Amino acid sequence: MPWLAYTRLPDDDLKAIFAYLRTLPAIANPVVAHPDTPEEKLRQPRQ
């Protein structure tokens, strides 16, 4: 992610980007915080 590039943007541009992102529909994206725990390993399908 090019965070440094965003540090130089004017506030109006950042607000416009934020406003645009808020118009996008949410998506389901479950994230496993600790995939290596024994509990999570049991939930993962075997390959």
Protein backbone atom coordinates (compact mmCIF):
# COMPACT_ATOMS: atom_id res chain seq x y z
CA MET A 1 0.00 0.00 0.00
CA PRO A 2 1.54 3.34 -0.98
CA TRP A 3 0.85 5.11 2.33
CA LEU A 4 3.55 7.73 1.75
CA ALA A 5 1.91 8.84 -1.47
CA TYR A 6 -1.29 9.64 0.44
CA THR A 7 0.49 11.81 3.01
CA ARG A 8 0.90 14.60 0.47
CA LEU A 9 -2.69 14.66 -0.75
CA PRO A 10 -4.77 17.71 0.14
CA ASP A 11 -7.57 17.17 2.65
CA ASP A 12 -10.21 17.68 -0.05
CA ASP A 13 -8.76 14.80 -2.09
CA LEU A 14 -8.63 12.51 0.93
CA LYS A 15 -12.23 13.37 1.76
CA ALA A 16 -13.26 12.61 -1.82
CA ILE A 17 -11.53 9.21 -1.71
CA PHE A 18 -13.19 8.43 1.62
CA ALA A 19 -16.60 9.48 0.30
CA TYR A 20 -16.16 7.26 -2.76
CA LEU A 21 -15.10 4.24 -0.71
CA ARG A 22 -18.19 4.63 1.47
CA THR A 23 -20.38 4.25 -1.64
CA LEU A 24 -19.01 0.78 -2.39
CA PRO A 25 -20.98 -2.20 -1.10
CA ALA A 26 -19.52 -4.18 1.76
CA ILE A 27 -18.19 -7.65 0.98
CA ALA A 28 -17.94 -10.72 3.17
CA ASN A 29 -14.29 -11.38 3.91
CA PRO A 30 -13.82 -13.47 7.03
CA VAL A 31 -10.32 -13.17 8.43
CA VAL A 32 -8.74 -15.73 10.71
CA ALA A 33 -6.63 -13.75 13.17
CA HIS A 34 -4.50 -16.69 14.32
CA PRO A 35 -4.56 -19.45 11.67
CA ASP A 36 -1.89 -21.54 13.39
CA THR A 37 -3.79 -22.16 16.62
CA PRO A 38 -4.90 -25.75 17.19
CA GLU A 39 -8.56 -24.73 17.14
CA GLU A 40 -8.26 -23.11 13.71
CA LYS A 41 -6.28 -26.02 12.31
CA LEU A 42 -9.19 -28.30 13.20
CA ARG A 43 -11.60 -26.06 11.28
CA GLN A 44 -9.52 -25.96 8.10
CA PRO A 45 -10.47 -28.49 5.41
CA ARG A 46 -7.86 -31.13 4.72
CA GLN A 47 -6.18 -30.97 1.35
